[in-house]
Amino acid sequence: MIPDVIWVSNEKLTKFTDNSGHLTVAPELIIEVLSTSEKDIKRDRQTKLKLYSIQGVYEYWIIDRQQQLIEVYRRDQGILIKVMTLYGSDQLTSPLLPDFNCQIVDLF
């Protein structure tokens, strides 16, 4: 399973890459854009969520283009938990990206 977008801090990138430049640990942030098929939606919301949780991903965003919303999951006590669902004028921020701020409506 290949994520749509990943983010890795410079610190993690320099410490956890092999000689070929491949990342050897989970990225801190993974972003998935939901597909339209029920099979793919289930995969992103269940299978990938579980996999990323097991692998140690700190934050997981699911972007739903049809509903125009973003679900944000963050690591809490060793697993990814949904902490918010953002719509319209809500602001997307992340503790991983302190200078990042984006209004949801601007993404759709």
N, C-alpha and C. Protein backbone atom coordinates (compact mmCIF):
# COMPACT_ATOMS: atom_id res chain seq x y z
N MET A 1 0.84 -1.18 0.00
CA MET A 1 0.00 0.00 0.00
C MET A 1 0.88 1.24 0.00
N ILE A 2 0.62 2.10 -0.93
CA ILE A 2 1.41 3.31 -1.08
C ILE A 2 0.53 4.51 -0.74
N PRO A 3 0.97 5.36 0.21
CA PRO A 3 0.18 6.54 0.55
C PRO A 3 0.23 7.58 -0.56
N ASP A 4 -0.78 8.47 -0.57
CA ASP A 4 -0.81 9.54 -1.56
C ASP A 4 0.28 10.57 -1.28
N VAL A 5 0.42 10.98 -0.01
CA VAL A 5 1.40 11.99 0.38
C VAL A 5 1.98 11.59 1.74
N ILE A 6 3.29 11.80 1.90
CA ILE A 6 3.91 11.62 3.22
C ILE A 6 4.69 12.87 3.57
N TRP A 7 4.90 13.08 4.86
CA TRP A 7 5.79 14.14 5.34
C TRP A 7 6.72 13.54 6.37
N VAL A 8 8.00 13.86 6.24
CA VAL A 8 9.03 13.38 7.15
C VAL A 8 9.87 14.57 7.57
N SER A 9 10.12 14.71 8.85
CA SER A 9 10.95 15.80 9.35
C SER A 9 12.39 15.62 8.87
N ASN A 10 13.12 16.72 8.79
CA ASN A 10 14.54 16.65 8.41
C ASN A 10 15.32 15.78 9.38
N GLU A 11 14.99 15.88 10.66
CA GLU A 11 15.69 15.08 11.67
C GLU A 11 15.52 13.58 11.41
N LYS A 12 14.29 13.19 11.16
CA LYS A 12 14.02 11.77 10.91
C LYS A 12 14.61 11.33 9.57
N LEU A 13 14.55 12.20 8.60
CA LEU A 13 15.07 11.88 7.27
C LEU A 13 16.57 11.62 7.31
N THR A 14 17.31 12.42 8.08
CA THR A 14 18.76 12.23 8.14
C THR A 14 19.16 11.03 8.99
N LYS A 15 18.35 10.68 9.97
CA LYS A 15 18.70 9.56 10.86
C LYS A 15 18.23 8.20 10.35
N PHE A 16 17.16 8.19 9.56
CA PHE A 16 16.52 6.91 9.23
C PHE A 16 16.38 6.67 7.73
N THR A 17 17.45 6.92 7.00
CA THR A 17 17.47 6.55 5.58
C THR A 17 18.63 5.59 5.36
N ASP A 18 18.42 4.65 4.43
CA ASP A 18 19.49 3.71 4.14
C ASP A 18 20.44 4.30 3.10
N ASN A 19 21.41 3.54 2.67
CA ASN A 19 22.41 4.03 1.71
C ASN A 19 21.82 4.41 0.36
N SER A 20 20.65 3.86 0.05
CA SER A 20 19.98 4.20 -1.22
C SER A 20 19.05 5.39 -1.08
N GLY A 21 18.94 5.94 0.14
CA GLY A 21 18.07 7.08 0.36
C GLY A 21 16.64 6.72 0.71
N HIS A 22 16.37 5.44 0.96
CA HIS A 22 15.02 5.00 1.32
C HIS A 22 14.78 5.18 2.81
N LEU A 23 13.61 5.64 3.16
CA LEU A 23 13.21 5.80 4.55
C LEU A 23 13.03 4.42 5.18
N THR A 24 13.61 4.21 6.35
CA THR A 24 13.54 2.89 7.00
C THR A 24 12.57 2.85 8.17
N VAL A 25 11.88 3.94 8.44
CA VAL A 25 10.84 4.00 9.49
C VAL A 25 9.61 4.68 8.90
N ALA A 26 8.52 4.64 9.63
CA ALA A 26 7.28 5.26 9.15
C ALA A 26 7.42 6.79 9.13
N PRO A 27 6.80 7.44 8.16
CA PRO A 27 6.78 8.91 8.15
C PRO A 27 5.94 9.43 9.31
N GLU A 28 6.16 10.68 9.68
CA GLU A 28 5.36 11.26 10.76
C GLU A 28 3.92 11.53 10.33
N LEU A 29 3.74 11.96 9.08
CA LEU A 29 2.41 12.33 8.58
C LEU A 29 2.14 11.61 7.27
N ILE A 30 0.93 11.03 7.16
CA ILE A 30 0.47 10.44 5.91
C ILE A 30 -0.86 11.08 5.56
N ILE A 31 -1.02 11.42 4.28
CA ILE A 31 -2.26 12.01 3.78
C ILE A 31 -2.80 11.11 2.67
N GLU A 32 -4.07 10.75 2.80
CA GLU A 32 -4.75 9.96 1.77
C GLU A 32 -5.92 10.77 1.23
N VAL A 33 -6.08 10.77 -0.08
CA VAL A 33 -7.25 11.36 -0.73
C VAL A 33 -8.18 10.20 -1.08
N LEU A 34 -9.39 10.23 -0.51
CA LEU A 34 -10.32 9.12 -0.73
C LEU A 34 -10.65 8.95 -2.19
N SER A 35 -10.67 7.72 -2.63
CA SER A 35 -11.15 7.39 -3.96
C SER A 35 -12.67 7.31 -3.91
N THR A 36 -13.29 7.07 -5.03
CA THR A 36 -14.76 7.05 -5.07
C THR A 36 -15.36 5.68 -4.85
N SER A 37 -14.59 4.62 -5.02
CA SER A 37 -15.17 3.28 -4.87
C SER A 37 -15.27 2.90 -3.39
N GLU A 38 -16.32 2.18 -3.04
CA GLU A 38 -16.52 1.75 -1.65
C GLU A 38 -15.35 0.90 -1.16
N LYS A 39 -14.82 0.06 -2.04
CA LYS A 39 -13.68 -0.79 -1.68
C LYS A 39 -12.47 0.05 -1.28
N ASP A 40 -12.18 1.09 -2.06
CA ASP A 40 -11.03 1.96 -1.77
C ASP A 40 -11.27 2.81 -0.52
N ILE A 41 -12.51 3.26 -0.33
CA ILE A 41 -12.84 4.05 0.86
C ILE A 41 -12.64 3.20 2.11
N LYS A 42 -13.10 1.97 2.07
CA LYS A 42 -12.93 1.05 3.20
C LYS A 42 -11.44 0.81 3.46
N ARG A 43 -10.67 0.64 2.40
CA ARG A 43 -9.23 0.41 2.54
C ARG A 43 -8.56 1.60 3.25
N ASP A 44 -8.89 2.83 2.81
CA ASP A 44 -8.26 4.02 3.40
C ASP A 44 -8.70 4.25 4.84
N ARG A 45 -9.97 4.02 5.14
CA ARG A 45 -10.51 4.31 6.48
C ARG A 45 -10.28 3.18 7.48
N GLN A 46 -10.04 1.98 7.01
CA GLN A 46 -9.88 0.86 7.95
C GLN A 46 -8.51 0.20 7.83
N THR A 47 -8.23 -0.38 6.66
CA THR A 47 -6.99 -1.14 6.49
C THR A 47 -5.76 -0.26 6.65
N LYS A 48 -5.73 0.85 5.92
CA LYS A 48 -4.56 1.73 6.00
C LYS A 48 -4.46 2.38 7.38
N LEU A 49 -5.58 2.77 7.96
CA LEU A 49 -5.56 3.36 9.30
C LEU A 49 -4.91 2.40 10.29
N LYS A 50 -5.31 1.15 10.25
CA LYS A 50 -4.75 0.14 11.16
C LYS A 50 -3.26 -0.06 10.88
N LEU A 51 -2.89 -0.19 9.61
CA LEU A 51 -1.49 -0.38 9.24
C LEU A 51 -0.63 0.79 9.70
N TYR A 52 -1.06 2.01 9.41
CA TYR A 52 -0.28 3.19 9.79
C TYR A 52 -0.18 3.32 11.31
N SER A 53 -1.22 2.93 12.01
CA SER A 53 -1.20 2.95 13.46
C SER A 53 -0.15 1.98 14.00
N ILE A 54 -0.13 0.77 13.45
CA ILE A 54 0.84 -0.25 13.87
C ILE A 54 2.27 0.19 13.55
N GLN A 55 2.45 0.84 12.39
CA GLN A 55 3.79 1.23 11.95
C GLN A 55 4.36 2.43 12.70
N GLY A 56 3.52 3.15 13.46
CA GLY A 56 4.03 4.27 14.25
C GLY A 56 3.86 5.64 13.63
N VAL A 57 3.00 5.76 12.62
CA VAL A 57 2.71 7.08 12.04
C VAL A 57 2.11 7.95 13.13
N TYR A 58 2.55 9.21 13.21
CA TYR A 58 2.07 10.11 14.26
C TYR A 58 0.74 10.76 13.89
N GLU A 59 0.57 11.09 12.61
CA GLU A 59 -0.65 11.78 12.19
C GLU A 59 -1.09 11.28 10.81
N TYR A 60 -2.41 11.16 10.62
CA TYR A 60 -3.00 10.64 9.38
C TYR A 60 -4.18 11.51 9.02
N TRP A 61 -4.15 12.08 7.82
CA TRP A 61 -5.27 12.90 7.33
C TRP A 61 -5.95 12.15 6.20
N ILE A 62 -7.27 12.09 6.24
CA ILE A 62 -8.05 11.53 5.15
C ILE A 62 -8.84 12.67 4.53
N ILE A 63 -8.57 12.94 3.26
CA ILE A 63 -9.25 14.02 2.54
C ILE A 63 -10.39 13.42 1.73
N ASP A 64 -11.59 13.89 2.00
CA ASP A 64 -12.79 13.43 1.30
C ASP A 64 -13.25 14.54 0.37
N ARG A 65 -12.95 14.39 -0.92
CA ARG A 65 -13.29 15.43 -1.90
C ARG A 65 -14.79 15.56 -2.10
N GLN A 66 -15.51 14.45 -2.04
CA GLN A 66 -16.96 14.49 -2.28
C GLN A 66 -17.68 15.22 -1.15
N GLN A 67 -17.30 14.94 0.09
CA GLN A 67 -17.93 15.59 1.25
C GLN A 67 -17.26 16.92 1.61
N GLN A 68 -16.13 17.20 0.99
CA GLN A 68 -15.32 18.39 1.24
C GLN A 68 -14.99 18.54 2.73
N LEU A 69 -14.33 17.50 3.23
CA LEU A 69 -13.93 17.49 4.63
C LEU A 69 -12.60 16.76 4.78
N ILE A 70 -11.97 16.97 5.93
CA ILE A 70 -10.73 16.27 6.26
C ILE A 70 -10.87 15.67 7.65
N GLU A 71 -10.60 14.37 7.74
CA GLU A 71 -10.57 13.69 9.04
C GLU A 71 -9.12 13.66 9.50
N VAL A 72 -8.89 14.06 10.75
CA VAL A 72 -7.54 14.10 11.30
C VAL A 72 -7.43 13.07 12.42
N TYR A 73 -6.45 12.18 12.27
CA TYR A 73 -6.15 11.16 13.28
C TYR A 73 -4.77 11.47 13.84
N ARG A 74 -4.63 11.35 15.17
CA ARG A 74 -3.33 11.56 15.81
C ARG A 74 -3.05 10.41 16.77
N ARG A 75 -1.77 10.16 16.95
CA ARG A 75 -1.33 9.08 17.83
C ARG A 75 -1.62 9.45 19.28
N ASP A 76 -2.28 8.53 19.96
CA ASP A 76 -2.58 8.69 21.38
C ASP A 76 -2.49 7.32 22.03
N GLN A 77 -1.61 7.18 22.99
CA GLN A 77 -1.39 5.91 23.70
C GLN A 77 -1.12 4.76 22.72
N GLY A 78 -0.30 5.04 21.72
CA GLY A 78 0.17 4.00 20.81
C GLY A 78 -0.69 3.70 19.61
N ILE A 79 -1.84 4.38 19.45
CA ILE A 79 -2.69 4.14 18.28
C ILE A 79 -3.18 5.46 17.70
N LEU A 80 -3.59 5.42 16.43
CA LEU A 80 -4.16 6.60 15.78
C LEU A 80 -5.64 6.70 16.14
N ILE A 81 -6.02 7.87 16.66
CA ILE A 81 -7.39 8.14 17.09
C ILE A 81 -7.89 9.36 16.31
N LYS A 82 -9.16 9.31 15.84
CA LYS A 82 -9.72 10.48 15.17
C LYS A 82 -9.91 11.59 16.20
N VAL A 83 -9.27 12.73 15.95
CA VAL A 83 -9.36 13.84 16.89
C VAL A 83 -10.26 14.96 16.39
N MET A 84 -10.50 15.00 15.07
CA MET A 84 -11.38 16.03 14.54
C MET A 84 -11.75 15.75 13.09
N THR A 85 -12.88 16.32 12.69
CA THR A 85 -13.30 16.36 11.30
C THR A 85 -13.47 17.82 10.95
N LEU A 86 -12.79 18.27 9.91
CA LEU A 86 -12.77 19.69 9.55
C LEU A 86 -13.56 19.94 8.28
N TYR A 87 -14.30 21.06 8.28
CA TYR A 87 -15.15 21.46 7.15
C TYR A 87 -14.91 22.93 6.83
N GLY A 88 -15.30 23.33 5.62
CA GLY A 88 -15.42 24.73 5.20
C GLY A 88 -14.42 25.71 5.76
N SER A 89 -14.86 26.54 6.71
CA SER A 89 -14.01 27.61 7.24
C SER A 89 -13.10 27.14 8.38
N ASP A 90 -13.15 25.86 8.75
CA ASP A 90 -12.24 25.34 9.78
C ASP A 90 -10.79 25.47 9.30
N GLN A 91 -9.88 25.57 10.26
CA GLN A 91 -8.46 25.69 9.96
C GLN A 91 -7.75 24.37 10.21
N LEU A 92 -7.00 23.91 9.22
CA LEU A 92 -6.19 22.71 9.37
C LEU A 92 -4.82 23.12 9.88
N THR A 93 -4.44 22.59 11.04
CA THR A 93 -3.12 22.82 11.63
C THR A 93 -2.59 21.47 12.11
N SER A 94 -1.33 21.46 12.46
CA SER A 94 -0.73 20.22 12.96
C SER A 94 0.42 20.55 13.90
N PRO A 95 0.54 19.82 15.00
CA PRO A 95 1.72 20.00 15.86
C PRO A 95 3.02 19.65 15.14
N LEU A 96 2.94 18.85 14.10
CA LEU A 96 4.12 18.50 13.32
C LEU A 96 4.61 19.65 12.44
N LEU A 97 3.68 20.53 12.06
CA LEU A 97 3.98 21.63 11.14
C LEU A 97 3.56 22.94 11.79
N PRO A 98 4.34 23.47 12.72
CA PRO A 98 3.91 24.61 13.52
C PRO A 98 3.57 25.87 12.71
N ASP A 99 4.16 26.05 11.55
CA ASP A 99 3.88 27.25 10.75
C ASP A 99 2.82 27.02 9.68
N PHE A 100 2.26 25.82 9.63
CA PHE A 100 1.26 25.49 8.62
C PHE A 100 -0.14 25.80 9.15
N ASN A 101 -0.94 26.47 8.29
CA ASN A 101 -2.32 26.80 8.62
C ASN A 101 -3.07 26.94 7.30
N CYS A 102 -4.14 26.18 7.13
CA CYS A 102 -4.88 26.21 5.87
C CYS A 102 -6.37 26.10 6.14
N GLN A 103 -7.12 26.99 5.53
CA GLN A 103 -8.58 26.90 5.64
C GLN A 103 -9.06 25.78 4.72
N ILE A 104 -9.94 24.93 5.22
CA ILE A 104 -10.41 23.76 4.48
C ILE A 104 -11.03 24.15 3.14
N VAL A 105 -11.82 25.20 3.12
CA VAL A 105 -12.49 25.62 1.89
C VAL A 105 -11.48 25.91 0.77
N ASP A 106 -10.26 26.31 1.12
CA ASP A 106 -9.25 26.61 0.11
C ASP A 106 -8.71 25.36 -0.58
N LEU A 107 -8.97 24.20 -0.01
CA LEU A 107 -8.47 22.95 -0.59
C LEU A 107 -9.42 22.34 -1.61
N PHE A 108 -10.67 22.82 -1.63
CA PHE A 108 -11.67 22.20 -2.51
C PHE A 108 -12.18 23.16 -3.56
